[in-house]
Amino acid sequence: MTAALCWLVAMVILTVIECISLGLTTIWFAGGALIAAIAAALGASLFVQIVLCIVVSTLLLIFTRPWAMRFLNNRTVKTNAESLVGEIAIVTMEVDNLKSEGQIQIKGSYWTARSTDDNVMIAKGKRVRIEEISGVKCLVVPVEE
């Protein structure tokens, strides 16, 4: 029963580390330790316990971490430049990719702008939607009036 207790202590320690860090790094190994503790309580050899811990931890990491990250990351709030994607801006200097010119104003800030289509020029005063931020440039498309 001491092996099962050791695995349970490891599981508690890993869970506490996860609660402190909130990085989704050790919780998967806590799951593996729990399965190893159950195997130890049922009389499995140390080799089987270790293999079960490794296999279960790996499977949890591979199959549940991407889902958990997606679930947790969709609640994050976009900040800075990311928040501008999809917003409407006003062209303050004609957007012409061939001349490497163009500027827009959005939320009180001026940004260098380029059209998503090299063949499309956008006149000053027109409304555009920001499709993407590339470095310090906004890639924009005209919005129908």
C-alpha atoms as a PDB file:
ATOM      1  CA  MET A   1       0.000   0.000   0.000  1.00  0.00           C
ATOM      2  CA  THR A   2       2.997   2.311   0.349  1.00  0.00           C
ATOM      3  CA  ALA A   3       3.458   2.524  -3.432  1.00  0.00           C
ATOM      4  CA  ALA A   4      -0.153   3.648  -3.834  1.00  0.00           C
ATOM      5  CA  LEU A   5       0.369   6.267  -1.139  1.00  0.00           C
ATOM      6  CA  CYS A   6       3.518   7.533  -2.887  1.00  0.00           C
ATOM      7  CA  TRP A   7       1.598   7.889  -6.160  1.00  0.00           C
ATOM      8  CA  LEU A   8      -1.210   9.752  -4.378  1.00  0.00           C
ATOM      9  CA  VAL A   9       1.296  12.128  -2.776  1.00  0.00           C
ATOM     10  CA  ALA A  10       2.828  12.718  -6.217  1.00  0.00           C
ATOM     11  CA  MET A  11      -0.642  13.396  -7.612  1.00  0.00           C
ATOM     12  CA  VAL A  12      -1.390  15.931  -4.857  1.00  0.00           C
ATOM     13  CA  ILE A  13       1.959  17.679  -5.362  1.00  0.00           C
ATOM     14  CA  LEU A  14       1.434  17.866  -9.135  1.00  0.00           C
ATOM     15  CA  THR A  15      -2.097  19.194  -8.644  1.00  0.00           C
ATOM     16  CA  VAL A  16      -0.869  21.870  -6.223  1.00  0.00           C
ATOM     17  CA  ILE A  17       1.833  22.897  -8.706  1.00  0.00           C
ATOM     18  CA  GLU A  18      -0.837  23.144 -11.413  1.00  0.00           C
ATOM     19  CA  CYS A  19      -3.072  25.273  -9.186  1.00  0.00           C
ATOM     20  CA  ILE A  20      -0.187  27.640  -8.498  1.00  0.00           C
ATOM     21  CA  SER A  21       1.076  27.908 -12.084  1.00  0.00           C
ATOM     22  CA  LEU A  22      -2.202  27.591 -14.041  1.00  0.00           C
ATOM     23  CA  GLY A  23      -0.097  26.676 -17.058  1.00  0.00           C
ATOM     24  CA  LEU A  24      -1.736  23.354 -17.930  1.00  0.00           C
ATOM     25  CA  THR A  25       1.584  21.568 -17.566  1.00  0.00           C
ATOM     26  CA  THR A  26       1.444  19.170 -14.620  1.00  0.00           C
ATOM     27  CA  ILE A  27      -2.236  18.251 -14.406  1.00  0.00           C
ATOM     28  CA  TRP A  28      -1.808  15.544 -17.049  1.00  0.00           C
ATOM     29  CA  PHE A  29       0.886  13.856 -14.974  1.00  0.00           C
ATOM     30  CA  ALA A  30      -1.355  14.024 -11.911  1.00  0.00           C
ATOM     31  CA  GLY A  31      -3.876  11.960 -13.878  1.00  0.00           C
ATOM     32  CA  GLY A  32      -1.164   9.437 -14.699  1.00  0.00           C
ATOM     33  CA  ALA A  33      -0.163   9.293 -11.032  1.00  0.00           C
ATOM     34  CA  LEU A  34      -3.782   8.612 -10.040  1.00  0.00           C
ATOM     35  CA  ILE A  35      -3.997   5.644 -12.426  1.00  0.00           C
ATOM     36  CA  ALA A  36      -0.633   4.377 -11.154  1.00  0.00           C
ATOM     37  CA  ALA A  37      -1.935   4.655  -7.562  1.00  0.00           C
ATOM     38  CA  ILE A  38      -4.984   2.580  -8.468  1.00  0.00           C
ATOM     39  CA  ALA A  39      -2.739   0.007 -10.155  1.00  0.00           C
ATOM     40  CA  ALA A  40      -0.504  -0.107  -7.060  1.00  0.00           C
ATOM     41  CA  ALA A  41      -3.535  -0.610  -4.801  1.00  0.00           C
ATOM     42  CA  LEU A  42      -4.585  -3.516  -7.013  1.00  0.00           C
ATOM     43  CA  GLY A  43      -1.141  -5.109  -6.638  1.00  0.00           C
ATOM     44  CA  ALA A  44       0.505  -4.255  -9.978  1.00  0.00           C
ATOM     45  CA  SER A  45       4.286  -4.350 -10.158  1.00  0.00           C
ATOM     46  CA  LEU A  46       6.324  -1.146 -10.012  1.00  0.00           C
ATOM     47  CA  PHE A  47       7.188  -1.539 -13.702  1.00  0.00           C
ATOM     48  CA  VAL A  48       3.481  -1.700 -14.654  1.00  0.00           C
ATOM     49  CA  GLN A  49       2.742   1.323 -12.432  1.00  0.00           C
ATOM     50  CA  ILE A  50       5.447   3.403 -14.113  1.00  0.00           C
ATOM     51  CA  VAL A  51       4.360   2.350 -17.602  1.00  0.00           C
ATOM     52  CA  LEU A  52       0.726   3.164 -16.800  1.00  0.00           C
ATOM     53  CA  CYS A  53       1.706   6.566 -15.409  1.00  0.00           C
ATOM     54  CA  ILE A  54       3.713   7.419 -18.528  1.00  0.00           C
ATOM     55  CA  VAL A  55       1.125   6.109 -21.000  1.00  0.00           C
ATOM     56  CA  VAL A  56      -1.878   7.741 -19.313  1.00  0.00           C
ATOM     57  CA  SER A  57      -0.029  11.054 -18.855  1.00  0.00           C
ATOM     58  CA  THR A  58       1.006  11.051 -22.512  1.00  0.00           C
ATOM     59  CA  LEU A  59      -2.498  10.208 -23.732  1.00  0.00           C
ATOM     60  CA  LEU A  60      -4.034  12.916 -21.557  1.00  0.00           C
ATOM     61  CA  LEU A  61      -1.457  15.405 -22.798  1.00  0.00           C
ATOM     62  CA  ILE A  62      -2.005  14.538 -26.472  1.00  0.00           C
ATOM     63  CA  PHE A  63      -5.791  14.266 -26.494  1.00  0.00           C
ATOM     64  CA  THR A  64      -7.050  16.703 -23.879  1.00  0.00           C
ATOM     65  CA  ARG A  65      -4.513  19.546 -23.804  1.00  0.00           C
ATOM     66  CA  PRO A  66      -5.421  20.978 -27.250  1.00  0.00           C
ATOM     67  CA  TRP A  67      -9.112  20.974 -26.305  1.00  0.00           C
ATOM     68  CA  ALA A  68      -8.395  22.562 -22.925  1.00  0.00           C
ATOM     69  CA  MET A  69      -6.164  25.251 -24.471  1.00  0.00           C
ATOM     70  CA  ARG A  70      -8.839  26.096 -27.053  1.00  0.00           C
ATOM     71  CA  PHE A  71     -11.493  26.278 -24.334  1.00  0.00           C
ATOM     72  CA  LEU A  72      -9.381  28.491 -22.090  1.00  0.00           C
ATOM     73  CA  ASN A  73      -7.970  30.706 -24.867  1.00  0.00           C
ATOM     74  CA  ASN A  74     -11.350  31.634 -26.367  1.00  0.00           C
ATOM     75  CA  ARG A  75     -12.087  33.638 -23.245  1.00  0.00           C
ATOM     76  CA  THR A  76      -9.055  35.875 -23.644  1.00  0.00           C
ATOM     77  CA  VAL A  77      -9.687  39.455 -24.672  1.00  0.00           C
ATOM     78  CA  LYS A  78      -7.899  40.720 -27.740  1.00  0.00           C
ATOM     79  CA  THR A  79      -5.655  43.645 -26.986  1.00  0.00           C
ATOM     80  CA  ASN A  80      -3.760  46.319 -28.877  1.00  0.00           C
ATOM     81  CA  ALA A  81      -3.462  45.724 -32.613  1.00  0.00           C
ATOM     82  CA  GLU A  82      -5.384  42.418 -32.574  1.00  0.00           C
ATOM     83  CA  SER A  83      -8.501  44.261 -31.471  1.00  0.00           C
ATOM     84  CA  LEU A  84      -8.503  46.309 -34.698  1.00  0.00           C
ATOM     85  CA  VAL A  85      -9.085  43.353 -37.024  1.00  0.00           C
ATOM     86  CA  GLY A  86     -12.638  43.567 -38.368  1.00  0.00           C
ATOM     87  CA  GLU A  87     -13.037  47.227 -37.398  1.00  0.00           C
ATOM     88  CA  ILE A  88     -14.001  50.017 -39.813  1.00  0.00           C
ATOM     89  CA  ALA A  89     -11.507  52.836 -40.460  1.00  0.00           C
ATOM     90  CA  ILE A  90     -11.352  55.981 -42.623  1.00  0.00           C
ATOM     91  CA  VAL A  91      -8.713  56.410 -45.331  1.00  0.00           C
ATOM     92  CA  THR A  92      -6.704  59.594 -44.664  1.00  0.00           C
ATOM     93  CA  MET A  93      -4.203  59.110 -47.518  1.00  0.00           C
ATOM     94  CA  GLU A  94      -5.063  57.226 -50.709  1.00  0.00           C
ATOM     95  CA  VAL A  95      -4.199  53.546 -50.427  1.00  0.00           C
ATOM     96  CA  ASP A  96      -2.093  52.514 -53.425  1.00  0.00           C
ATOM     97  CA  ASN A  97       0.028  49.393 -53.049  1.00  0.00           C
ATOM     98  CA  LEU A  98       1.972  50.063 -56.261  1.00  0.00           C
ATOM     99  CA  LYS A  99       3.218  53.381 -54.864  1.00  0.00           C
ATOM    100  CA  SER A 100       3.580  51.969 -51.321  1.00  0.00           C
ATOM    101  CA  GLU A 101       1.259  54.670 -50.023  1.00  0.00           C
ATOM    102  CA  GLY A 102      -1.741  54.669 -47.778  1.00  0.00           C
ATOM    103  CA  GLN A 103      -2.895  55.664 -44.348  1.00  0.00           C
ATOM    104  CA  ILE A 104      -6.006  55.129 -42.262  1.00  0.00           C
ATOM    105  CA  GLN A 105      -7.345  56.527 -39.035  1.00  0.00           C
ATOM    106  CA  ILE A 106      -9.043  54.364 -36.443  1.00  0.00           C
ATOM    107  CA  LYS A 107      -9.831  55.065 -32.810  1.00  0.00           C
ATOM    108  CA  GLY A 108      -7.750  58.238 -32.884  1.00  0.00           C
ATOM    109  CA  SER A 109      -4.633  56.512 -34.247  1.00  0.00           C
ATOM    110  CA  TYR A 110      -3.084  56.652 -37.691  1.00  0.00           C
ATOM    111  CA  TRP A 111      -1.859  53.463 -39.317  1.00  0.00           C
ATOM    112  CA  THR A 112      -0.019  52.711 -42.522  1.00  0.00           C
ATOM    113  CA  ALA A 113      -2.454  50.875 -44.770  1.00  0.00           C
ATOM    114  CA  ARG A 114      -2.243  48.574 -47.762  1.00  0.00           C
ATOM    115  CA  SER A 115      -5.026  47.007 -49.773  1.00  0.00           C
ATOM    116  CA  THR A 116      -5.406  43.229 -49.670  1.00  0.00           C
ATOM    117  CA  ASP A 117      -5.548  43.406 -53.499  1.00  0.00           C
ATOM    118  CA  ASP A 118      -2.613  45.099 -55.242  1.00  0.00           C
ATOM    119  CA  ASN A 119      -4.899  46.183 -58.111  1.00  0.00           C
ATOM    120  CA  VAL A 120      -7.336  48.091 -55.884  1.00  0.00           C
ATOM    121  CA  MET A 121      -6.739  51.730 -55.011  1.00  0.00           C
ATOM    122  CA  ILE A 122      -8.829  53.223 -52.224  1.00  0.00           C
ATOM    123  CA  ALA A 123      -9.517  56.974 -52.268  1.00  0.00           C
ATOM    124  CA  LYS A 124      -9.101  59.326 -49.343  1.00  0.00           C
ATOM    125  CA  GLY A 125     -12.250  59.597 -47.220  1.00  0.00           C
ATOM    126  CA  LYS A 126     -13.498  56.069 -48.024  1.00  0.00           C
ATOM    127  CA  ARG A 127     -14.388  53.546 -45.340  1.00  0.00           C
ATOM    128  CA  VAL A 128     -12.362  50.334 -45.102  1.00  0.00           C
ATOM    129  CA  ARG A 129     -12.443  47.204 -42.966  1.00  0.00           C
ATOM    130  CA  ILE A 130      -9.208  45.994 -41.418  1.00  0.00           C
ATOM    131  CA  GLU A 131      -8.659  42.384 -42.469  1.00  0.00           C
ATOM    132  CA  GLU A 132      -5.236  41.772 -40.950  1.00  0.00           C
ATOM    133  CA  ILE A 133      -2.371  43.449 -39.166  1.00  0.00           C
ATOM    134  CA  SER A 134       1.029  42.773 -40.730  1.00  0.00           C
ATOM    135  CA  GLY A 135       3.804  44.313 -38.682  1.00  0.00           C
ATOM    136  CA  VAL A 136       2.872  48.008 -38.477  1.00  0.00           C
ATOM    137  CA  LYS A 137       0.573  47.939 -41.511  1.00  0.00           C
ATOM    138  CA  CYS A 138      -3.154  47.343 -41.698  1.00  0.00           C
ATOM    139  CA  LEU A 139      -4.322  45.274 -44.655  1.00  0.00           C
ATOM    140  CA  VAL A 140      -7.711  46.666 -45.615  1.00  0.00           C
ATOM    141  CA  VAL A 141     -10.633  46.129 -47.974  1.00  0.00           C
ATOM    142  CA  PRO A 142     -13.092  48.812 -49.114  1.00  0.00           C
ATOM    143  CA  VAL A 143     -16.504  48.830 -47.435  1.00  0.00           C
ATOM    144  CA  GLU A 144     -19.538  49.425 -49.611  1.00  0.00           C
ATOM    145  CA  GLU A 145     -21.268  52.703 -48.694  1.00  0.00           C
END
